[in-house]
Amino acid sequence: MFILCFNILMSVKQGAVMEATLKKWGNSQGILIPKSLCEYLGISIGDHLEIEESNGAVTMKPIQKRYTRSKKLSASDLFSDWDGPYQAPADWNLQGAEIDWGKPTGEELPW
């Protein structure tokens, strides 16, 4: 049985350095992230992380949650961080015409 181990140093914004070990898990490799670091970052089991390699260093950061099916969001909520003007595409004739978006395919709210 072959076990792959590799030490990785992780730094936190406050300057703390933690050490983790890359371990073989089935056909993949995994890193155990210390509980204190998870709490500091506000991440928990099941959260998604973005992993980036740059100049031989590996960076992991939480992917911000934008939408979940369990919470119904209004258009205002969905576009709360949008600060640009809305401009319809030039080929849309919106003068009195209704746009046919097709049949509902998911959990769209009825009008």
N, C-alpha and C. Protein backbone atom coordinates (compact mmCIF):
# COMPACT_ATOMS: atom_id res chain seq x y z
N MET A 1 0.84 -1.18 0.00
CA MET A 1 0.00 0.00 0.00
C MET A 1 0.89 1.24 0.00
N PHE A 2 0.55 2.17 -0.87
CA PHE A 2 1.33 3.39 -1.01
C PHE A 2 0.55 4.55 -0.39
N ILE A 3 1.16 5.28 0.52
CA ILE A 3 0.54 6.45 1.13
C ILE A 3 1.36 7.68 0.76
N LEU A 4 0.70 8.64 0.15
CA LEU A 4 1.35 9.86 -0.27
C LEU A 4 1.18 10.92 0.81
N CYS A 5 2.28 11.45 1.31
CA CYS A 5 2.21 12.50 2.33
C CYS A 5 3.05 13.68 1.87
N PHE A 6 2.56 14.86 2.10
CA PHE A 6 3.27 16.06 1.72
C PHE A 6 2.88 17.16 2.69
N ASN A 7 3.83 17.84 3.26
CA ASN A 7 3.51 18.90 4.22
C ASN A 7 3.23 20.20 3.49
N ILE A 8 2.18 20.86 3.90
CA ILE A 8 1.78 22.14 3.33
C ILE A 8 1.63 23.14 4.46
N LEU A 9 2.20 24.32 4.30
CA LEU A 9 2.04 25.37 5.30
C LEU A 9 0.94 26.31 4.82
N MET A 10 0.00 26.61 5.72
CA MET A 10 -1.09 27.51 5.38
C MET A 10 -0.98 28.74 6.25
N SER A 11 -1.11 29.91 5.64
CA SER A 11 -1.03 31.13 6.44
C SER A 11 -2.41 31.77 6.53
N VAL A 12 -2.64 32.45 7.63
CA VAL A 12 -3.89 33.14 7.89
C VAL A 12 -3.58 34.63 7.88
N LYS A 13 -4.57 35.46 7.55
CA LYS A 13 -4.35 36.90 7.44
C LYS A 13 -3.65 37.49 8.65
N GLN A 14 -3.92 36.95 9.83
CA GLN A 14 -3.31 37.48 11.03
C GLN A 14 -1.84 37.07 11.15
N GLY A 15 -1.35 36.28 10.23
CA GLY A 15 0.05 35.91 10.25
C GLY A 15 0.31 34.54 10.85
N ALA A 16 -0.72 33.88 11.38
CA ALA A 16 -0.52 32.54 11.95
C ALA A 16 -0.21 31.56 10.82
N VAL A 17 0.65 30.61 11.09
CA VAL A 17 0.99 29.58 10.11
C VAL A 17 0.57 28.24 10.67
N MET A 18 -0.16 27.48 9.87
CA MET A 18 -0.59 26.15 10.28
C MET A 18 -0.02 25.14 9.30
N GLU A 19 0.16 23.95 9.76
CA GLU A 19 0.70 22.90 8.92
C GLU A 19 -0.36 21.83 8.71
N ALA A 20 -0.47 21.37 7.47
CA ALA A 20 -1.40 20.30 7.14
C ALA A 20 -0.65 19.26 6.33
N THR A 21 -1.17 18.05 6.30
CA THR A 21 -0.54 16.96 5.57
C THR A 21 -1.46 16.49 4.45
N LEU A 22 -0.94 16.42 3.24
CA LEU A 22 -1.67 15.89 2.10
C LEU A 22 -1.64 14.38 2.21
N LYS A 23 -2.82 13.76 2.23
CA LYS A 23 -2.90 12.31 2.40
C LYS A 23 -3.65 11.69 1.23
N LYS A 24 -3.36 10.44 0.98
CA LYS A 24 -4.06 9.70 -0.06
C LYS A 24 -5.40 9.24 0.49
N TRP A 25 -6.47 9.56 -0.22
CA TRP A 25 -7.83 9.13 0.13
C TRP A 25 -8.41 8.46 -1.09
N GLY A 26 -8.43 7.14 -1.10
CA GLY A 26 -8.92 6.41 -2.27
C GLY A 26 -8.04 6.70 -3.46
N ASN A 27 -8.65 7.15 -4.57
CA ASN A 27 -7.89 7.49 -5.77
C ASN A 27 -7.53 8.97 -5.82
N SER A 28 -7.76 9.68 -4.73
CA SER A 28 -7.49 11.12 -4.69
C SER A 28 -6.55 11.44 -3.54
N GLN A 29 -6.28 12.72 -3.38
CA GLN A 29 -5.51 13.20 -2.24
C GLN A 29 -6.38 14.21 -1.50
N GLY A 30 -6.14 14.34 -0.21
CA GLY A 30 -6.93 15.28 0.58
C GLY A 30 -6.09 15.95 1.64
N ILE A 31 -6.56 17.10 2.07
CA ILE A 31 -5.90 17.85 3.13
C ILE A 31 -6.89 18.00 4.27
N LEU A 32 -6.46 17.70 5.47
CA LEU A 32 -7.28 17.95 6.65
C LEU A 32 -7.02 19.39 7.07
N ILE A 33 -8.07 20.18 7.07
CA ILE A 33 -7.94 21.59 7.45
C ILE A 33 -8.29 21.71 8.92
N PRO A 34 -7.41 22.27 9.73
CA PRO A 34 -7.68 22.39 11.17
C PRO A 34 -8.99 23.13 11.45
N LYS A 35 -9.71 22.67 12.48
CA LYS A 35 -11.00 23.24 12.85
C LYS A 35 -10.89 24.74 13.11
N SER A 36 -9.82 25.16 13.76
CA SER A 36 -9.66 26.58 14.07
C SER A 36 -9.58 27.43 12.80
N LEU A 37 -8.96 26.91 11.75
CA LEU A 37 -8.87 27.64 10.49
C LEU A 37 -10.24 27.70 9.81
N CYS A 38 -10.98 26.58 9.86
CA CYS A 38 -12.34 26.57 9.29
C CYS A 38 -13.21 27.61 9.98
N GLU A 39 -13.12 27.66 11.30
CA GLU A 39 -13.92 28.63 12.05
C GLU A 39 -13.51 30.06 11.69
N TYR A 40 -12.22 30.29 11.56
CA TYR A 40 -11.72 31.63 11.21
C TYR A 40 -12.23 32.06 9.83
N LEU A 41 -12.23 31.10 8.88
CA LEU A 41 -12.66 31.41 7.51
C LEU A 41 -14.18 31.36 7.35
N GLY A 42 -14.87 30.83 8.34
CA GLY A 42 -16.33 30.71 8.25
C GLY A 42 -16.77 29.63 7.29
N ILE A 43 -15.97 28.57 7.16
CA ILE A 43 -16.34 27.47 6.26
C ILE A 43 -16.66 26.23 7.09
N SER A 44 -17.44 25.34 6.48
CA SER A 44 -17.79 24.10 7.17
C SER A 44 -17.88 22.97 6.15
N ILE A 45 -18.11 21.78 6.65
CA ILE A 45 -18.18 20.59 5.80
C ILE A 45 -19.25 20.80 4.72
N GLY A 46 -18.90 20.50 3.49
CA GLY A 46 -19.82 20.65 2.37
C GLY A 46 -19.65 21.94 1.60
N ASP A 47 -18.93 22.92 2.18
CA ASP A 47 -18.68 24.17 1.47
C ASP A 47 -17.71 23.91 0.32
N HIS A 48 -17.84 24.71 -0.73
CA HIS A 48 -16.96 24.57 -1.89
C HIS A 48 -15.80 25.55 -1.78
N LEU A 49 -14.61 25.09 -2.18
CA LEU A 49 -13.41 25.91 -2.15
C LEU A 49 -12.85 26.03 -3.56
N GLU A 50 -12.34 27.19 -3.88
CA GLU A 50 -11.63 27.40 -5.13
C GLU A 50 -10.16 27.11 -4.88
N ILE A 51 -9.55 26.26 -5.70
CA ILE A 51 -8.15 25.89 -5.53
C ILE A 51 -7.38 26.43 -6.73
N GLU A 52 -6.33 27.19 -6.47
CA GLU A 52 -5.56 27.81 -7.54
C GLU A 52 -4.07 27.54 -7.33
N GLU A 53 -3.39 27.23 -8.43
CA GLU A 53 -1.94 27.04 -8.38
C GLU A 53 -1.30 28.23 -9.07
N SER A 54 -0.28 28.81 -8.43
CA SER A 54 0.44 29.92 -9.01
C SER A 54 1.88 29.89 -8.51
N ASN A 55 2.82 29.80 -9.43
CA ASN A 55 4.25 29.79 -9.09
C ASN A 55 4.60 28.73 -8.06
N GLY A 56 4.03 27.55 -8.19
CA GLY A 56 4.36 26.45 -7.29
C GLY A 56 3.67 26.50 -5.95
N ALA A 57 2.79 27.48 -5.73
CA ALA A 57 2.05 27.58 -4.47
C ALA A 57 0.59 27.26 -4.72
N VAL A 58 -0.05 26.62 -3.75
CA VAL A 58 -1.47 26.29 -3.84
C VAL A 58 -2.24 27.22 -2.92
N THR A 59 -3.27 27.86 -3.47
CA THR A 59 -4.12 28.75 -2.70
C THR A 59 -5.54 28.20 -2.72
N MET A 60 -6.15 28.13 -1.54
CA MET A 60 -7.55 27.70 -1.44
C MET A 60 -8.33 28.83 -0.80
N LYS A 61 -9.50 29.13 -1.38
CA LYS A 61 -10.35 30.15 -0.76
C LYS A 61 -11.81 29.74 -0.93
N PRO A 62 -12.64 30.10 0.05
CA PRO A 62 -14.05 29.73 -0.02
C PRO A 62 -14.73 30.40 -1.21
N ILE A 63 -15.62 29.67 -1.85
CA ILE A 63 -16.44 30.23 -2.91
C ILE A 63 -17.66 30.84 -2.23
N GLN A 64 -17.90 32.11 -2.48
CA GLN A 64 -19.01 32.80 -1.85
C GLN A 64 -20.33 32.23 -2.34
N LYS A 65 -21.22 31.96 -1.41
CA LYS A 65 -22.54 31.43 -1.75
C LYS A 65 -23.40 32.58 -2.26
N ARG A 66 -23.95 32.43 -3.45
CA ARG A 66 -24.78 33.47 -4.04
C ARG A 66 -26.26 33.11 -4.02
N TYR A 67 -26.58 31.82 -4.14
CA TYR A 67 -27.98 31.44 -4.27
C TYR A 67 -28.17 30.01 -3.81
N THR A 68 -29.20 29.77 -3.07
CA THR A 68 -29.56 28.41 -2.70
C THR A 68 -31.04 28.22 -2.99
N ARG A 69 -31.42 27.02 -3.35
CA ARG A 69 -32.82 26.74 -3.67
C ARG A 69 -33.72 26.86 -2.46
N SER A 70 -33.18 26.71 -1.27
CA SER A 70 -34.02 26.74 -0.08
C SER A 70 -34.53 28.14 0.24
N LYS A 71 -33.94 29.16 -0.34
CA LYS A 71 -34.34 30.54 -0.05
C LYS A 71 -34.81 31.19 -1.35
N LYS A 72 -36.03 31.67 -1.36
CA LYS A 72 -36.57 32.37 -2.52
C LYS A 72 -36.09 33.81 -2.48
N LEU A 73 -35.40 34.23 -3.53
CA LEU A 73 -34.85 35.58 -3.58
C LEU A 73 -35.64 36.43 -4.57
N SER A 74 -35.81 37.68 -4.24
CA SER A 74 -36.47 38.61 -5.16
C SER A 74 -35.44 39.11 -6.17
N ALA A 75 -35.94 39.74 -7.23
CA ALA A 75 -35.03 40.32 -8.22
C ALA A 75 -34.14 41.37 -7.56
N SER A 76 -34.69 42.11 -6.61
CA SER A 76 -33.89 43.13 -5.90
C SER A 76 -32.75 42.48 -5.14
N ASP A 77 -33.01 41.32 -4.51
CA ASP A 77 -31.96 40.60 -3.78
C ASP A 77 -30.89 40.10 -4.75
N LEU A 78 -31.33 39.52 -5.87
CA LEU A 78 -30.38 38.95 -6.82
C LEU A 78 -29.46 40.00 -7.44
N PHE A 79 -29.98 41.20 -7.63
CA PHE A 79 -29.20 42.25 -8.28
C PHE A 79 -28.77 43.35 -7.31
N SER A 80 -28.73 43.04 -6.03
CA SER A 80 -28.40 44.06 -5.02
C SER A 80 -26.99 44.64 -5.19
N ASP A 81 -26.06 43.85 -5.74
CA ASP A 81 -24.70 44.36 -5.91
C ASP A 81 -24.45 44.93 -7.31
N TRP A 82 -25.49 45.00 -8.15
CA TRP A 82 -25.36 45.55 -9.50
C TRP A 82 -25.47 47.06 -9.43
N ASP A 83 -24.47 47.76 -9.97
CA ASP A 83 -24.52 49.22 -9.92
C ASP A 83 -24.56 49.85 -11.31
N GLY A 84 -24.61 49.03 -12.35
CA GLY A 84 -24.64 49.56 -13.71
C GLY A 84 -26.06 49.75 -14.21
N PRO A 85 -26.23 50.49 -15.29
CA PRO A 85 -27.56 50.69 -15.86
C PRO A 85 -27.99 49.44 -16.63
N TYR A 86 -29.30 49.23 -16.73
CA TYR A 86 -29.80 48.13 -17.54
C TYR A 86 -30.09 48.65 -18.93
N GLN A 87 -29.64 47.92 -19.93
CA GLN A 87 -29.90 48.30 -21.30
C GLN A 87 -30.28 47.03 -22.05
N ALA A 88 -31.50 47.00 -22.56
CA ALA A 88 -31.97 45.83 -23.31
C ALA A 88 -31.18 45.72 -24.61
N PRO A 89 -30.95 44.49 -25.09
CA PRO A 89 -30.27 44.32 -26.38
C PRO A 89 -31.01 45.06 -27.49
N ALA A 90 -30.28 45.57 -28.46
CA ALA A 90 -30.85 46.39 -29.53
C ALA A 90 -31.89 45.63 -30.35
N ASP A 91 -31.75 44.31 -30.48
CA ASP A 91 -32.68 43.54 -31.31
C ASP A 91 -33.97 43.16 -30.57
N TRP A 92 -34.15 43.60 -29.34
CA TRP A 92 -35.38 43.32 -28.59
C TRP A 92 -36.37 44.45 -28.87
N ASN A 93 -37.50 44.11 -29.42
CA ASN A 93 -38.55 45.10 -29.63
C ASN A 93 -39.48 45.01 -28.43
N LEU A 94 -39.33 45.91 -27.48
CA LEU A 94 -40.10 45.85 -26.25
C LEU A 94 -41.30 46.79 -26.25
N GLN A 95 -41.63 47.39 -27.38
CA GLN A 95 -42.76 48.32 -27.44
C GLN A 95 -44.07 47.55 -27.50
N GLY A 96 -44.67 47.29 -26.35
CA GLY A 96 -45.97 46.64 -26.29
C GLY A 96 -45.95 45.15 -26.55
N ALA A 97 -44.81 44.58 -26.80
CA ALA A 97 -44.73 43.15 -27.09
C ALA A 97 -44.42 42.37 -25.83
N GLU A 98 -44.95 41.18 -25.75
CA GLU A 98 -44.65 40.30 -24.62
C GLU A 98 -43.61 39.29 -25.07
N ILE A 99 -42.60 39.07 -24.26
CA ILE A 99 -41.54 38.13 -24.60
C ILE A 99 -41.94 36.74 -24.15
N ASP A 100 -41.87 35.77 -25.05
CA ASP A 100 -42.17 34.38 -24.70
C ASP A 100 -40.88 33.71 -24.26
N TRP A 101 -40.77 33.43 -22.98
CA TRP A 101 -39.57 32.81 -22.43
C TRP A 101 -39.65 31.29 -22.47
N GLY A 102 -40.77 30.73 -22.92
CA GLY A 102 -40.92 29.28 -22.95
C GLY A 102 -41.59 28.78 -21.68
N LYS A 103 -41.75 27.47 -21.59
CA LYS A 103 -42.40 26.87 -20.44
C LYS A 103 -41.44 26.83 -19.25
N PRO A 104 -42.00 26.88 -18.02
CA PRO A 104 -41.15 26.77 -16.82
C PRO A 104 -40.39 25.44 -16.82
N THR A 105 -39.13 25.48 -16.42
CA THR A 105 -38.31 24.27 -16.41
C THR A 105 -37.82 23.91 -15.02
N GLY A 106 -38.09 24.72 -14.05
CA GLY A 106 -37.58 24.46 -12.70
C GLY A 106 -38.55 24.94 -11.65
N GLU A 107 -38.08 25.79 -10.77
CA GLU A 107 -38.91 26.28 -9.67
C GLU A 107 -39.24 27.76 -9.85
N GLU A 108 -39.52 28.17 -11.10
CA GLU A 108 -39.87 29.56 -11.35
C GLU A 108 -41.16 29.91 -10.60
N LEU A 109 -41.23 31.14 -10.16
CA LEU A 109 -42.44 31.60 -9.48
C LEU A 109 -43.48 31.99 -10.52
N PRO A 110 -44.76 31.62 -10.30
CA PRO A 110 -45.80 31.98 -11.28
C PRO A 110 -46.09 33.48 -11.23
N TRP A 111 -46.56 34.02 -12.34
CA TRP A 111 -46.90 35.45 -12.41
C TRP A 111 -48.34 35.64 -12.06
